[in-house]
């Protein structure tokens, strides 16, 4: 699977992987490492986008205060 390029794509991967693990009667131990690595990559993308938005909002509000 390719690396997600947007928050929405990364978030969807996290949701899908979480549901897959949660709903599995038998955990696919062979695919677990790949699923976890994919989830970590998606999490990093989500976190980076959230931090970028927080910084932009902080700057916008700082500009308003001045």
N, C-alpha and C. Protein backbone atom coordinates (compact mmCIF):
# COMPACT_ATOMS: atom_id res chain seq x y z
N UNK A 1 0.85 -1.18 0.00
CA UNK A 1 0.00 0.00 0.00
C UNK A 1 0.89 1.23 0.00
N UNK A 2 0.48 2.26 -0.72
CA UNK A 2 1.26 3.47 -0.81
C UNK A 2 1.08 4.32 0.45
N UNK A 3 2.02 5.22 0.66
CA UNK A 3 1.97 6.10 1.82
C UNK A 3 0.86 7.13 1.63
N UNK A 4 0.03 7.32 2.64
CA UNK A 4 -1.04 8.31 2.51
C UNK A 4 -0.45 9.72 2.42
N UNK A 5 -1.13 10.58 1.68
CA UNK A 5 -0.62 11.94 1.51
C UNK A 5 -1.49 12.99 2.20
N UNK A 6 -2.63 12.57 2.71
CA UNK A 6 -3.51 13.52 3.40
C UNK A 6 -3.88 12.98 4.78
N UNK A 7 -4.34 13.90 5.61
CA UNK A 7 -4.82 13.51 6.93
C UNK A 7 -5.94 12.48 6.81
N UNK A 8 -6.88 12.74 5.91
CA UNK A 8 -8.04 11.87 5.76
C UNK A 8 -7.62 10.45 5.37
N UNK A 9 -6.69 10.33 4.44
CA UNK A 9 -6.22 9.00 4.03
C UNK A 9 -5.54 8.28 5.20
N UNK A 10 -4.70 9.01 5.92
CA UNK A 10 -3.99 8.41 7.05
C UNK A 10 -4.96 8.01 8.15
N UNK A 11 -5.94 8.86 8.42
CA UNK A 11 -6.93 8.56 9.45
C UNK A 11 -7.75 7.33 9.07
N UNK A 12 -8.07 7.22 7.79
CA UNK A 12 -8.82 6.05 7.32
C UNK A 12 -8.03 4.76 7.53
N UNK A 13 -6.73 4.83 7.29
CA UNK A 13 -5.88 3.66 7.53
C UNK A 13 -5.92 3.27 9.00
N UNK A 14 -5.81 4.26 9.88
CA UNK A 14 -5.86 3.97 11.32
C UNK A 14 -7.19 3.34 11.71
N UNK A 15 -8.29 3.89 11.19
CA UNK A 15 -9.61 3.33 11.50
C UNK A 15 -9.74 1.90 10.99
N UNK A 16 -9.33 1.69 9.76
CA UNK A 16 -9.44 0.36 9.15
C UNK A 16 -8.61 -0.66 9.91
N UNK A 17 -7.37 -0.31 10.22
CA UNK A 17 -6.50 -1.24 10.94
C UNK A 17 -7.02 -1.54 12.34
N UNK A 18 -7.52 -0.52 13.01
CA UNK A 18 -8.07 -0.73 14.35
C UNK A 18 -9.30 -1.64 14.31
N UNK A 19 -10.18 -1.41 13.35
CA UNK A 19 -11.38 -2.25 13.22
C UNK A 19 -11.01 -3.68 12.85
N UNK A 20 -10.03 -3.84 11.98
CA UNK A 20 -9.61 -5.17 11.57
C UNK A 20 -9.09 -5.96 12.77
N UNK A 21 -8.24 -5.33 13.56
CA UNK A 21 -7.68 -6.00 14.73
C UNK A 21 -8.78 -6.27 15.76
N UNK A 22 -9.62 -5.28 15.98
CA UNK A 22 -10.69 -5.40 16.98
C UNK A 22 -11.71 -6.47 16.62
N UNK A 23 -12.02 -6.60 15.34
CA UNK A 23 -13.08 -7.52 14.92
C UNK A 23 -12.59 -8.91 14.54
N UNK A 24 -11.29 -9.14 14.61
CA UNK A 24 -10.74 -10.43 14.22
C UNK A 24 -10.88 -11.43 15.36
N UNK A 25 -11.41 -12.58 15.03
CA UNK A 25 -11.46 -13.66 16.02
C UNK A 25 -10.08 -14.27 16.20
N UNK A 26 -9.35 -14.33 15.09
CA UNK A 26 -7.99 -14.87 15.11
C UNK A 26 -7.07 -13.79 14.55
N UNK A 27 -6.13 -13.36 15.34
CA UNK A 27 -5.21 -12.32 14.94
C UNK A 27 -4.22 -12.85 13.92
N UNK A 28 -4.07 -12.11 12.82
CA UNK A 28 -3.10 -12.49 11.78
C UNK A 28 -1.71 -12.09 12.25
N UNK A 29 -1.08 -12.98 12.97
CA UNK A 29 0.23 -12.71 13.56
C UNK A 29 1.27 -12.45 12.48
N UNK A 30 1.12 -13.08 11.31
CA UNK A 30 2.08 -12.88 10.22
C UNK A 30 1.97 -11.48 9.64
N UNK A 31 0.80 -10.89 9.67
CA UNK A 31 0.62 -9.57 9.12
C UNK A 31 0.63 -8.45 10.16
N UNK A 32 0.79 -8.83 11.43
CA UNK A 32 0.70 -7.85 12.51
C UNK A 32 1.78 -6.78 12.42
N UNK A 33 3.01 -7.17 12.17
CA UNK A 33 4.10 -6.20 12.09
C UNK A 33 3.83 -5.20 10.98
N UNK A 34 3.40 -5.69 9.83
CA UNK A 34 3.09 -4.79 8.71
C UNK A 34 1.95 -3.85 9.08
N UNK A 35 0.93 -4.36 9.73
CA UNK A 35 -0.21 -3.53 10.13
C UNK A 35 0.22 -2.46 11.13
N UNK A 36 1.04 -2.84 12.09
CA UNK A 36 1.52 -1.88 13.08
C UNK A 36 2.41 -0.83 12.43
N UNK A 37 3.31 -1.23 11.56
CA UNK A 37 4.19 -0.27 10.87
C UNK A 37 3.36 0.70 10.02
N UNK A 38 2.37 0.19 9.32
CA UNK A 38 1.50 1.03 8.50
C UNK A 38 0.73 2.01 9.39
N UNK A 39 0.28 1.53 10.53
CA UNK A 39 -0.46 2.39 11.46
C UNK A 39 0.43 3.47 12.05
N UNK A 40 1.66 3.14 12.37
CA UNK A 40 2.59 4.13 12.91
C UNK A 40 2.86 5.21 11.87
N UNK A 41 3.08 4.82 10.63
CA UNK A 41 3.30 5.80 9.56
C UNK A 41 2.08 6.71 9.39
N UNK A 42 0.90 6.13 9.43
CA UNK A 42 -0.33 6.91 9.30
C UNK A 42 -0.49 7.85 10.49
N UNK A 43 -0.18 7.37 11.68
CA UNK A 43 -0.26 8.20 12.89
C UNK A 43 0.68 9.40 12.79
N UNK A 44 1.88 9.17 12.30
CA UNK A 44 2.85 10.26 12.16
C UNK A 44 2.33 11.34 11.21
N UNK A 45 1.68 10.92 10.14
CA UNK A 45 1.11 11.88 9.19
C UNK A 45 -0.02 12.67 9.85
N UNK A 46 -0.90 11.99 10.55
CA UNK A 46 -1.98 12.67 11.26
C UNK A 46 -1.43 13.66 12.28
N UNK A 47 -0.46 13.23 13.05
CA UNK A 47 0.13 14.08 14.08
C UNK A 47 0.78 15.32 13.46
N UNK A 48 1.51 15.14 12.37
CA UNK A 48 2.16 16.27 11.71
C UNK A 48 1.12 17.27 11.20
N UNK A 49 0.03 16.77 10.63
CA UNK A 49 -1.01 17.68 10.13
C UNK A 49 -1.71 18.41 11.28
N UNK A 50 -1.96 17.72 12.37
CA UNK A 50 -2.59 18.36 13.53
C UNK A 50 -1.67 19.44 14.09
N UNK A 51 -0.39 19.14 14.20
CA UNK A 51 0.57 20.13 14.70
C UNK A 51 0.67 21.34 13.77
N UNK A 52 0.62 21.10 12.47
CA UNK A 52 0.68 22.20 11.50
C UNK A 52 -0.55 23.10 11.64
N UNK A 53 -1.71 22.50 11.82
CA UNK A 53 -2.93 23.28 11.99
C UNK A 53 -2.88 24.06 13.30
N UNK A 54 -2.42 23.43 14.37
CA UNK A 54 -2.29 24.13 15.66
C UNK A 54 -1.37 25.34 15.53
N UNK A 55 -0.24 25.17 14.85
CA UNK A 55 0.70 26.28 14.67
C UNK A 55 0.06 27.40 13.84
N UNK A 56 -0.65 27.04 12.80
CA UNK A 56 -1.30 28.04 11.96
C UNK A 56 -2.37 28.81 12.75
N UNK A 57 -3.13 28.09 13.56
CA UNK A 57 -4.15 28.74 14.37
C UNK A 57 -3.52 29.63 15.43
N UNK A 58 -2.45 29.17 16.06
CA UNK A 58 -1.74 29.99 17.05
C UNK A 58 -1.25 31.28 16.40
N UNK A 59 -0.67 31.17 15.21
CA UNK A 59 -0.18 32.35 14.51
C UNK A 59 -1.33 33.28 14.15
N UNK A 60 -2.43 32.74 13.69
CA UNK A 60 -3.59 33.55 13.33
C UNK A 60 -4.12 34.31 14.55
N UNK A 61 -4.20 33.62 15.68
CA UNK A 61 -4.69 34.28 16.89
C UNK A 61 -3.68 35.28 17.44
N UNK A 62 -2.39 35.00 17.28
CA UNK A 62 -1.37 35.97 17.69
C UNK A 62 -1.47 37.23 16.85
N UNK A 63 -1.75 37.08 15.56
CA UNK A 63 -1.90 38.23 14.67
C UNK A 63 -3.11 39.07 15.08
N UNK A 64 -4.16 38.42 15.55
CA UNK A 64 -5.37 39.12 15.98
C UNK A 64 -5.10 39.91 17.26
N UNK A 65 -4.30 39.34 18.15
CA UNK A 65 -4.00 39.99 19.43
C UNK A 65 -3.16 41.24 19.24
N UNK A 66 -2.36 41.28 18.20
CA UNK A 66 -1.45 42.42 17.99
C UNK A 66 -2.15 43.58 17.45
